[in-house]
Amino acid sequence: MVAKRKNYPEDFKRDAVDLVRSSTDRSLTDIAHSLGIHLETLRKWVRDDRARAQTHVFADARR
């Protein structure tokens, strides 16, 4: 049986990424576990946020 994909609100994703960025003494695994989400889900959100931030930097540099 395949697990149903969960949809998380955007504000929850943003808060989770902010928590990762501000936590210097906690591992990604620990944060994911404490939020009740899969490690790879959190890792993808952090990676997507980093890519989005780089896109904005490049777009601003072109102006």
C-alpha atoms as a PDB file:
ATOM      1  CA  MET A   1       0.000   0.000   0.000  1.00  0.00           C
ATOM      2  CA  VAL A   2       1.301   3.433  -0.936  1.00  0.00           C
ATOM      3  CA  ALA A   3       1.109   6.204   1.637  1.00  0.00           C
ATOM      4  CA  LYS A   4      -0.980   9.213   0.695  1.00  0.00           C
ATOM      5  CA  ARG A   5       1.044  12.357   0.089  1.00  0.00           C
ATOM      6  CA  LYS A   6       0.449  15.063   2.670  1.00  0.00           C
ATOM      7  CA  ASN A   7      -0.005  18.671   1.647  1.00  0.00           C
ATOM      8  CA  TYR A   8       1.489  21.122   4.111  1.00  0.00           C
ATOM      9  CA  PRO A   9       0.521  24.798   4.265  1.00  0.00           C
ATOM     10  CA  GLU A  10       3.097  27.215   2.834  1.00  0.00           C
ATOM     11  CA  ASP A  11       3.477  28.987   6.180  1.00  0.00           C
ATOM     12  CA  PHE A  12       4.354  25.672   7.856  1.00  0.00           C
ATOM     13  CA  LYS A  13       7.005  25.024   5.197  1.00  0.00           C
ATOM     14  CA  ARG A  14       8.439  28.539   5.611  1.00  0.00           C
ATOM     15  CA  ASP A  15       8.524  28.197   9.392  1.00  0.00           C
ATOM     16  CA  ALA A  16      10.242  24.809   9.108  1.00  0.00           C
ATOM     17  CA  VAL A  17      12.916  26.214   6.770  1.00  0.00           C
ATOM     18  CA  ASP A  18      13.403  29.214   9.064  1.00  0.00           C
ATOM     19  CA  LEU A  19      13.859  26.829  11.982  1.00  0.00           C
ATOM     20  CA  VAL A  20      16.541  24.918  10.066  1.00  0.00           C
ATOM     21  CA  ARG A  21      18.345  28.148   9.176  1.00  0.00           C
ATOM     22  CA  SER A  22      18.277  29.467  12.745  1.00  0.00           C
ATOM     23  CA  SER A  23      19.184  26.192  14.501  1.00  0.00           C
ATOM     24  CA  THR A  24      22.935  25.851  14.671  1.00  0.00           C
ATOM     25  CA  ASP A  25      22.924  23.125  17.317  1.00  0.00           C
ATOM     26  CA  ARG A  26      20.248  20.786  15.893  1.00  0.00           C
ATOM     27  CA  SER A  27      20.504  18.371  13.019  1.00  0.00           C
ATOM     28  CA  LEU A  28      18.110  18.322  10.104  1.00  0.00           C
ATOM     29  CA  THR A  29      17.033  14.860  11.249  1.00  0.00           C
ATOM     30  CA  ASP A  30      16.221  16.131  14.731  1.00  0.00           C
ATOM     31  CA  ILE A  31      14.196  19.059  13.392  1.00  0.00           C
ATOM     32  CA  ALA A  32      12.268  16.870  10.944  1.00  0.00           C
ATOM     33  CA  HIS A  33      11.482  14.389  13.714  1.00  0.00           C
ATOM     34  CA  SER A  34      10.323  17.127  16.087  1.00  0.00           C
ATOM     35  CA  LEU A  35       8.010  18.530  13.383  1.00  0.00           C
ATOM     36  CA  GLY A  36       6.644  15.088  12.561  1.00  0.00           C
ATOM     37  CA  ILE A  37       7.745  15.177   8.928  1.00  0.00           C
ATOM     38  CA  HIS A  38      10.027  12.988   6.856  1.00  0.00           C
ATOM     39  CA  LEU A  39      13.663  14.048   6.673  1.00  0.00           C
ATOM     40  CA  GLU A  40      13.654  14.109   2.867  1.00  0.00           C
ATOM     41  CA  THR A  41      10.574  16.324   2.852  1.00  0.00           C
ATOM     42  CA  LEU A  42      12.326  18.910   5.002  1.00  0.00           C
ATOM     43  CA  ARG A  43      15.531  18.571   2.995  1.00  0.00           C
ATOM     44  CA  LYS A  44      13.589  19.296  -0.215  1.00  0.00           C
ATOM     45  CA  TRP A  45      11.960  22.389   1.304  1.00  0.00           C
ATOM     46  CA  VAL A  46      15.374  23.734   2.344  1.00  0.00           C
ATOM     47  CA  ARG A  47      16.836  22.986  -1.092  1.00  0.00           C
ATOM     48  CA  ASP A  48      13.869  24.614  -2.863  1.00  0.00           C
ATOM     49  CA  ASP A  49      14.146  27.689  -0.646  1.00  0.00           C
ATOM     50  CA  ARG A  50      17.862  28.013  -1.413  1.00  0.00           C
ATOM     51  CA  ALA A  51      17.182  27.742  -5.163  1.00  0.00           C
ATOM     52  CA  ARG A  52      14.394  30.323  -4.928  1.00  0.00           C
ATOM     53  CA  ALA A  53      16.685  32.725  -3.051  1.00  0.00           C
ATOM     54  CA  GLN A  54      19.419  32.326  -5.676  1.00  0.00           C
ATOM     55  CA  THR A  55      16.919  32.992  -8.448  1.00  0.00           C
ATOM     56  CA  HIS A  56      15.929  36.259  -6.767  1.00  0.00           C
ATOM     57  CA  VAL A  57      19.568  37.286  -6.374  1.00  0.00           C
ATOM     58  CA  PHE A  58      20.265  36.630 -10.059  1.00  0.00           C
ATOM     59  CA  ALA A  59      17.104  38.454 -11.122  1.00  0.00           C
ATOM     60  CA  ASP A  60      18.027  41.478  -8.987  1.00  0.00           C
ATOM     61  CA  ALA A  61      21.555  41.526 -10.412  1.00  0.00           C
ATOM     62  CA  ARG A  62      20.188  41.701 -13.947  1.00  0.00           C
ATOM     63  CA  ARG A  63      18.194  44.871 -13.226  1.00  0.00           C
END
